[in-house]
Amino acid sequence: MTKTADDCIFCKIASGEMEVPLVYEDDHVVAFDDISPKSVVHTLIVPKEHIANLNDDPSPELLAQVFGAVPEVARIKGIDQSGYRIVQNNGDDACQTVHHLHVHLQGGEQLPV
């Protein structure tokens, strides 16, 4: 059974309880566009299992599922050839605003260093 948190917006999106247009979905992750994009393409890749962040000891398999989806989501978003950035904010000081492990896929323009 997939671990979820009742008050987690990403759990609600991943379970289908909250409908948002999905960019990508498989058995383990969902991807959807950020509601407050910081770049032309800004898509979140989120495991369906609730893990707060990297300090919550995600399994190597879960991390492989999240990062394994990155190239396909980049292809879907049309930035696989031009280049993209992956960001993972971990904890409050890193500005992690939703405490459910996720990565930001950004691109579609020249990103600042």
C-alpha atoms as a PDB file:
ATOM      1  CA  MET A   1       0.000   0.000   0.000  1.00  0.00           C
ATOM      2  CA  THR A   2       1.295   3.464  -0.900  1.00  0.00           C
ATOM      3  CA  LYS A   3       2.012   5.690   2.075  1.00  0.00           C
ATOM      4  CA  THR A   4       0.082   9.000   1.893  1.00  0.00           C
ATOM      5  CA  ALA A   5      -0.542  11.978   4.149  1.00  0.00           C
ATOM      6  CA  ASP A   6      -4.130  13.240   4.481  1.00  0.00           C
ATOM      7  CA  ASP A   7      -3.163  16.912   4.476  1.00  0.00           C
ATOM      8  CA  CYS A   8      -0.588  16.751   1.654  1.00  0.00           C
ATOM      9  CA  ILE A   9      -1.578  18.490  -1.574  1.00  0.00           C
ATOM     10  CA  PHE A  10       0.860  16.370  -3.618  1.00  0.00           C
ATOM     11  CA  CYS A  11      -0.655  13.159  -2.190  1.00  0.00           C
ATOM     12  CA  LYS A  12      -4.082  14.442  -3.235  1.00  0.00           C
ATOM     13  CA  ILE A  13      -2.837  15.189  -6.751  1.00  0.00           C
ATOM     14  CA  ALA A  14      -1.016  11.837  -7.043  1.00  0.00           C
ATOM     15  CA  SER A  15      -4.091   9.895  -5.888  1.00  0.00           C
ATOM     16  CA  GLY A  16      -6.431  11.770  -8.234  1.00  0.00           C
ATOM     17  CA  GLU A  17      -8.384  13.254  -5.325  1.00  0.00           C
ATOM     18  CA  MET A  18      -7.389  16.718  -6.586  1.00  0.00           C
ATOM     19  CA  GLU A  19      -7.582  17.026 -10.350  1.00  0.00           C
ATOM     20  CA  VAL A  20      -4.800  18.826 -12.154  1.00  0.00           C
ATOM     21  CA  PRO A  21      -3.668  18.320 -15.738  1.00  0.00           C
ATOM     22  CA  LEU A  22      -0.913  15.706 -15.609  1.00  0.00           C
ATOM     23  CA  VAL A  23       2.069  15.927 -17.917  1.00  0.00           C
ATOM     24  CA  TYR A  24       3.110  12.354 -17.129  1.00  0.00           C
ATOM     25  CA  GLU A  25       2.012   9.446 -14.954  1.00  0.00           C
ATOM     26  CA  ASP A  26       3.238   5.922 -14.354  1.00  0.00           C
ATOM     27  CA  ASP A  27       2.774   3.455 -11.502  1.00  0.00           C
ATOM     28  CA  HIS A  28       5.158   5.359  -9.226  1.00  0.00           C
ATOM     29  CA  VAL A  29       5.211   9.065 -10.095  1.00  0.00           C
ATOM     30  CA  VAL A  30       3.146  11.908 -11.490  1.00  0.00           C
ATOM     31  CA  ALA A  31       4.343  15.078 -13.174  1.00  0.00           C
ATOM     32  CA  PHE A  32       2.451  18.342 -13.495  1.00  0.00           C
ATOM     33  CA  ASP A  33       3.264  21.974 -14.205  1.00  0.00           C
ATOM     34  CA  ASP A  34       4.152  24.233 -11.279  1.00  0.00           C
ATOM     35  CA  ILE A  35       1.388  26.746 -10.468  1.00  0.00           C
ATOM     36  CA  SER A  36       4.012  29.438  -9.896  1.00  0.00           C
ATOM     37  CA  PRO A  37       6.595  28.778 -12.631  1.00  0.00           C
ATOM     38  CA  LYS A  38      10.096  30.208 -12.328  1.00  0.00           C
ATOM     39  CA  SER A  39      11.001  29.418 -15.955  1.00  0.00           C
ATOM     40  CA  VAL A  40       9.275  28.854 -19.303  1.00  0.00           C
ATOM     41  CA  VAL A  41       9.056  25.131 -18.495  1.00  0.00           C
ATOM     42  CA  HIS A  42       8.644  24.343 -14.798  1.00  0.00           C
ATOM     43  CA  THR A  43       7.248  20.895 -14.121  1.00  0.00           C
ATOM     44  CA  LEU A  44       7.193  18.987 -10.841  1.00  0.00           C
ATOM     45  CA  ILE A  45       7.923  15.257 -10.698  1.00  0.00           C
ATOM     46  CA  VAL A  46       6.405  13.731  -7.584  1.00  0.00           C
ATOM     47  CA  PRO A  47       6.431  10.176  -6.235  1.00  0.00           C
ATOM     48  CA  LYS A  48       2.993   8.773  -5.437  1.00  0.00           C
ATOM     49  CA  GLU A  49       4.352   7.555  -2.109  1.00  0.00           C
ATOM     50  CA  HIS A  50       4.519  10.243   0.572  1.00  0.00           C
ATOM     51  CA  ILE A  51       8.091  10.950   1.601  1.00  0.00           C
ATOM     52  CA  ALA A  52       8.669  14.369   3.197  1.00  0.00           C
ATOM     53  CA  ASN A  53      12.164  14.896   1.789  1.00  0.00           C
ATOM     54  CA  LEU A  54      15.556  13.235   1.453  1.00  0.00           C
ATOM     55  CA  ASN A  55      15.954  13.136   5.253  1.00  0.00           C
ATOM     56  CA  ASP A  56      12.911  10.821   5.368  1.00  0.00           C
ATOM     57  CA  ASP A  57      15.081   7.986   3.970  1.00  0.00           C
ATOM     58  CA  PRO A  58      13.492   7.379   0.569  1.00  0.00           C
ATOM     59  CA  SER A  59      14.422   4.008  -0.847  1.00  0.00           C
ATOM     60  CA  PRO A  60      16.909   3.834  -3.706  1.00  0.00           C
ATOM     61  CA  GLU A  61      14.068   2.390  -5.798  1.00  0.00           C
ATOM     62  CA  LEU A  62      11.852   5.411  -5.132  1.00  0.00           C
ATOM     63  CA  LEU A  63      14.657   7.800  -6.056  1.00  0.00           C
ATOM     64  CA  ALA A  64      15.287   5.802  -9.235  1.00  0.00           C
ATOM     65  CA  GLN A  65      11.591   6.033 -10.115  1.00  0.00           C
ATOM     66  CA  VAL A  66      11.559   9.820  -9.662  1.00  0.00           C
ATOM     67  CA  PHE A  67      14.808  10.492 -11.501  1.00  0.00           C
ATOM     68  CA  GLY A  68      14.023   7.816 -14.089  1.00  0.00           C
ATOM     69  CA  ALA A  69      10.967   9.825 -15.143  1.00  0.00           C
ATOM     70  CA  VAL A  70      12.999  12.996 -15.752  1.00  0.00           C
ATOM     71  CA  PRO A  71      14.172  12.267 -19.343  1.00  0.00           C
ATOM     72  CA  GLU A  72      10.653  11.296 -20.455  1.00  0.00           C
ATOM     73  CA  VAL A  73       9.061  14.386 -18.890  1.00  0.00           C
ATOM     74  CA  ALA A  74      11.783  16.536 -20.492  1.00  0.00           C
ATOM     75  CA  ARG A  75      10.976  14.917 -23.853  1.00  0.00           C
ATOM     76  CA  ILE A  76       7.237  15.525 -23.391  1.00  0.00           C
ATOM     77  CA  LYS A  77       7.907  19.169 -22.499  1.00  0.00           C
ATOM     78  CA  GLY A  78      10.187  19.571 -25.530  1.00  0.00           C
ATOM     79  CA  ILE A  79      13.373  20.435 -23.637  1.00  0.00           C
ATOM     80  CA  ASP A  80      15.237  17.146 -23.816  1.00  0.00           C
ATOM     81  CA  GLN A  81      17.560  18.379 -26.574  1.00  0.00           C
ATOM     82  CA  SER A  82      17.973  22.023 -25.555  1.00  0.00           C
ATOM     83  CA  GLY A  83      18.806  21.255 -21.938  1.00  0.00           C
ATOM     84  CA  TYR A  84      17.160  21.389 -18.559  1.00  0.00           C
ATOM     85  CA  ARG A  85      17.811  21.744 -14.862  1.00  0.00           C
ATOM     86  CA  ILE A  86      16.680  19.491 -12.019  1.00  0.00           C
ATOM     87  CA  VAL A  87      16.256  21.089  -8.579  1.00  0.00           C
ATOM     88  CA  GLN A  88      15.331  19.361  -5.331  1.00  0.00           C
ATOM     89  CA  ASN A  89      14.660  21.634  -2.355  1.00  0.00           C
ATOM     90  CA  ASN A  90      15.162  19.801   0.924  1.00  0.00           C
ATOM     91  CA  GLY A  91      13.756  21.428   4.067  1.00  0.00           C
ATOM     92  CA  ASP A  92      12.628  24.874   5.113  1.00  0.00           C
ATOM     93  CA  ASP A  93      15.954  26.678   4.635  1.00  0.00           C
ATOM     94  CA  ALA A  94      16.014  25.416   1.030  1.00  0.00           C
ATOM     95  CA  CYS A  95      12.506  26.848   0.479  1.00  0.00           C
ATOM     96  CA  GLN A  96      10.756  23.476   0.320  1.00  0.00           C
ATOM     97  CA  THR A  97       7.164  24.716   0.526  1.00  0.00           C
ATOM     98  CA  VAL A  98       5.404  21.365   0.072  1.00  0.00           C
ATOM     99  CA  HIS A  99       6.852  18.718   2.349  1.00  0.00           C
ATOM    100  CA  HIS A 100       6.501  15.852  -0.112  1.00  0.00           C
ATOM    101  CA  LEU A 101       9.667  14.877  -1.957  1.00  0.00           C
ATOM    102  CA  HIS A 102       9.657  16.259  -5.510  1.00  0.00           C
ATOM    103  CA  VAL A 103      11.983  17.552  -8.177  1.00  0.00           C
ATOM    104  CA  HIS A 104      11.592  20.662 -10.298  1.00  0.00           C
ATOM    105  CA  LEU A 105      12.313  20.212 -14.010  1.00  0.00           C
ATOM    106  CA  GLN A 106      13.094  23.612 -15.498  1.00  0.00           C
ATOM    107  CA  GLY A 107      14.070  24.761 -18.958  1.00  0.00           C
ATOM    108  CA  GLY A 108      12.778  26.195 -22.193  1.00  0.00           C
ATOM    109  CA  GLU A 109      15.134  29.157 -21.950  1.00  0.00           C
ATOM    110  CA  GLN A 110      18.698  30.007 -20.953  1.00  0.00           C
ATOM    111  CA  LEU A 111      18.627  29.593 -17.165  1.00  0.00           C
ATOM    112  CA  PRO A 112      20.722  31.800 -14.899  1.00  0.00           C
ATOM    113  CA  VAL A 113      23.772  30.252 -13.279  1.00  0.00           C
END
